C-alpha atoms as a PDB file:
ATOM      1  CA  MET A   1     -60.694  14.208 -28.618  1.00  0.00           C
ATOM      2  CA  MET A   2     -58.208  13.002 -31.217  1.00  0.00           C
ATOM      3  CA  THR A   3     -55.744  10.263 -30.459  1.00  0.00           C
ATOM      4  CA  LYS A   4     -52.527   9.538 -32.244  1.00  0.00           C
ATOM      5  CA  GLN A   5     -51.784   5.948 -33.137  1.00  0.00           C
ATOM      6  CA  VAL A   6     -48.220   5.036 -32.234  1.00  0.00           C
ATOM      7  CA  GLN A   7     -46.368   2.091 -33.697  1.00  0.00           C
ATOM      8  CA  GLY A   8     -44.002   0.389 -31.285  1.00  0.00           C
ATOM      9  CA  HIS A   9     -42.849  -2.985 -30.067  1.00  0.00           C
ATOM     10  CA  PHE A  10     -42.124  -4.920 -26.887  1.00  0.00           C
ATOM     11  CA  ARG A  11     -38.642  -6.088 -25.960  1.00  0.00           C
ATOM     12  CA  ALA A  12     -37.609  -8.104 -22.918  1.00  0.00           C
ATOM     13  CA  VAL A  13     -35.644  -6.113 -20.350  1.00  0.00           C
ATOM     14  CA  THR A  14     -32.211  -7.575 -19.671  1.00  0.00           C
ATOM     15  CA  SER A  15     -29.943  -7.080 -16.666  1.00  0.00           C
ATOM     16  CA  SER A  16     -27.497  -5.005 -18.729  1.00  0.00           C
ATOM     17  CA  PRO A  17     -26.419  -1.711 -17.126  1.00  0.00           C
ATOM     18  CA  GLN A  18     -28.249   0.273 -19.836  1.00  0.00           C
ATOM     19  CA  ASP A  19     -31.536  -1.629 -19.418  1.00  0.00           C
ATOM     20  CA  LEU A  20     -31.342  -1.419 -15.614  1.00  0.00           C
ATOM     21  CA  ALA A  21     -30.759   2.345 -15.765  1.00  0.00           C
ATOM     22  CA  GLN A  22     -33.672   2.836 -18.196  1.00  0.00           C
ATOM     23  CA  LEU A  23     -35.999   0.615 -16.158  1.00  0.00           C
ATOM     24  CA  GLU A  24     -35.102   2.381 -12.921  1.00  0.00           C
ATOM     25  CA  ALA A  25     -35.718   5.788 -14.515  1.00  0.00           C
ATOM     26  CA  ILE A  26     -39.103   4.775 -15.959  1.00  0.00           C
ATOM     27  CA  MET A  27     -40.265   3.133 -12.723  1.00  0.00           C
ATOM     28  CA  ARG A  28     -39.229   6.128 -10.613  1.00  0.00           C
ATOM     29  CA  GLU A  29     -40.841   8.614 -13.013  1.00  0.00           C
ATOM     30  CA  THR A  30     -44.154   6.787 -13.350  1.00  0.00           C
ATOM     31  CA  PHE A  31     -44.444   6.032  -9.621  1.00  0.00           C
ATOM     32  CA  THR A  32     -43.684   9.675  -8.790  1.00  0.00           C
ATOM     33  CA  ASP A  33     -46.235  10.916 -11.353  1.00  0.00           C
ATOM     34  CA  THR A  34     -48.877   8.641  -9.835  1.00  0.00           C
ATOM     35  CA  PHE A  35     -48.259   8.980  -6.094  1.00  0.00           C
ATOM     36  CA  ALA A  36     -46.340  12.215  -5.407  1.00  0.00           C
ATOM     37  CA  SER A  37     -49.485  14.119  -4.480  1.00  0.00           C
ATOM     38  CA  GLU A  38     -50.467  11.485  -1.896  1.00  0.00           C
ATOM     39  CA  GLN A  39     -47.327  11.464   0.254  1.00  0.00           C
ATOM     40  CA  SER A  40     -44.508  13.614   1.501  1.00  0.00           C
ATOM     41  CA  ALA A  41     -41.372  14.032  -0.597  1.00  0.00           C
ATOM     42  CA  GLU A  42     -39.410  12.311   2.172  1.00  0.00           C
ATOM     43  CA  ASP A  43     -41.692   9.250   2.170  1.00  0.00           C
ATOM     44  CA  LEU A  44     -41.733   9.133  -1.624  1.00  0.00           C
ATOM     45  CA  ASN A  45     -37.938   9.272  -1.883  1.00  0.00           C
ATOM     46  CA  ALA A  46     -37.551   6.616   0.812  1.00  0.00           C
ATOM     47  CA  PHE A  47     -39.894   4.286  -1.103  1.00  0.00           C
ATOM     48  CA  LEU A  48     -38.130   4.915  -4.416  1.00  0.00           C
ATOM     49  CA  ASP A  49     -34.691   4.375  -2.900  1.00  0.00           C
ATOM     50  CA  LYS A  50     -35.785   1.113  -1.256  1.00  0.00           C
ATOM     51  CA  ASN A  51     -37.794  -0.405  -4.125  1.00  0.00           C
ATOM     52  CA  TYR A  52     -36.553   1.072  -7.392  1.00  0.00           C
ATOM     53  CA  ASN A  53     -32.795   0.699  -7.286  1.00  0.00           C
ATOM     54  CA  GLN A  54     -30.649  -1.371  -9.621  1.00  0.00           C
ATOM     55  CA  PRO A  55     -29.764  -4.230  -7.212  1.00  0.00           C
ATOM     56  CA  VAL A  56     -33.484  -4.767  -6.431  1.00  0.00           C
ATOM     57  CA  LEU A  57     -34.462  -4.547 -10.097  1.00  0.00           C
ATOM     58  CA  LYS A  58     -31.690  -6.946 -11.108  1.00  0.00           C
ATOM     59  CA  ARG A  59     -32.938  -9.471  -8.533  1.00  0.00           C
ATOM     60  CA  GLU A  60     -36.517  -9.087  -9.820  1.00  0.00           C
ATOM     61  CA  LEU A  61     -35.370  -9.608 -13.416  1.00  0.00           C
ATOM     62  CA  ALA A  62     -33.735 -12.893 -12.367  1.00  0.00           C
ATOM     63  CA  ASP A  63     -36.982 -14.180 -10.821  1.00  0.00           C
ATOM     64  CA  GLN A  64     -38.279 -17.197 -12.755  1.00  0.00           C
ATOM     65  CA  ASP A  65     -41.866 -16.193 -11.927  1.00  0.00           C
ATOM     66  CA  SER A  66     -41.663 -12.752 -13.526  1.00  0.00           C
ATOM     67  CA  GLU A  67     -41.058 -11.166 -16.939  1.00  0.00           C
ATOM     68  CA  THR A  68     -40.435  -7.481 -17.646  1.00  0.00           C
ATOM     69  CA  PHE A  69     -40.620  -5.772 -21.036  1.00  0.00           C
ATOM     70  CA  PHE A  70     -39.985  -2.335 -22.480  1.00  0.00           C
ATOM     71  CA  TYR A  71     -42.473  -0.938 -24.956  1.00  0.00           C
ATOM     72  CA  LYS A  72     -40.314   1.010 -27.368  1.00  0.00           C
ATOM     73  CA  VAL A  73     -41.375   3.788 -29.720  1.00  0.00           C
ATOM     74  CA  ASP A  74     -38.848   5.231 -32.159  1.00  0.00           C
ATOM     75  CA  GLY A  75     -36.182   3.099 -30.480  1.00  0.00           C
ATOM     76  CA  GLN A  76     -36.768   4.558 -27.003  1.00  0.00           C
ATOM     77  CA  PRO A  77     -38.581   2.989 -24.043  1.00  0.00           C
ATOM     78  CA  ALA A  78     -42.006   4.594 -23.671  1.00  0.00           C
ATOM     79  CA  ALA A  79     -43.411   2.186 -21.085  1.00  0.00           C
ATOM     80  CA  TYR A  80     -42.695  -0.979 -19.190  1.00  0.00           C
ATOM     81  CA  LEU A  81     -44.820  -4.065 -18.688  1.00  0.00           C
ATOM     82  CA  LYS A  82     -44.175  -6.484 -15.846  1.00  0.00           C
ATOM     83  CA  VAL A  83     -45.990  -9.806 -15.481  1.00  0.00           C
ATOM     84  CA  ASN A  84     -45.732 -11.761 -12.215  1.00  0.00           C
ATOM     85  CA  TRP A  85     -47.084 -15.207 -11.442  1.00  0.00           C
ATOM     86  CA  ASN A  86     -46.739 -17.759  -8.633  1.00  0.00           C
ATOM     87  CA  ALA A  87     -44.437 -16.530  -5.848  1.00  0.00           C
ATOM     88  CA  ALA A  88     -43.552 -13.263  -7.637  1.00  0.00           C
ATOM     89  CA  GLN A  89     -47.067 -11.860  -7.201  1.00  0.00           C
ATOM     90  CA  THR A  90     -47.252  -9.090  -4.637  1.00  0.00           C
ATOM     91  CA  GLU A  91     -50.965  -9.640  -4.001  1.00  0.00           C
ATOM     92  CA  LYS A  92     -51.628 -13.317  -4.632  1.00  0.00           C
ATOM     93  CA  GLN A  93     -55.393 -13.755  -4.424  1.00  0.00           C
ATOM     94  CA  PHE A  94     -56.174 -16.571  -6.843  1.00  0.00           C
ATOM     95  CA  GLU A  95     -54.512 -19.904  -7.540  1.00  0.00           C
ATOM     96  CA  ASN A  96     -54.109 -19.541 -11.334  1.00  0.00           C
ATOM     97  CA  ALA A  97     -53.727 -15.786 -11.727  1.00  0.00           C
ATOM     98  CA  LEU A  98     -51.257 -13.314 -13.188  1.00  0.00           C
ATOM     99  CA  GLU A  99     -50.326  -9.920 -11.820  1.00  0.00           C
ATOM    100  CA  ILE A 100     -49.692  -7.258 -14.457  1.00  0.00           C
ATOM    101  CA  HIS A 101     -48.009  -3.875 -13.975  1.00  0.00           C
ATOM    102  CA  MET A 102     -47.877  -1.450 -16.886  1.00  0.00           C
ATOM    103  CA  ASN A 103     -46.749   2.135 -16.677  1.00  0.00           C
ATOM    104  CA  ILE A 104     -46.438   4.582 -19.542  1.00  0.00           C
ATOM    105  CA  ILE A 105     -44.166   7.601 -19.558  1.00  0.00           C
END
């Protein structure tokens, strides 16, 4: 199997309307790609509407215990990386741990 090396870079996601729209689109697409086969369309849409909307994402971006980045290739977001620590962790299991989410389009 051949792989193609891609040159890109990380950039912090801001709360600008453009970044919020891009982040929402990437999060919805990658979550749907991963979990659509495991749940009904109604349940999936309810989850997406509750968790991946711009007011929720804007609040998460303002959290001091979290950082979110776009990985950009050819100027376009190709993935996002989210790092949570302290109270921002969704599954806090260890005292000095980080929680990392990365999804690629």
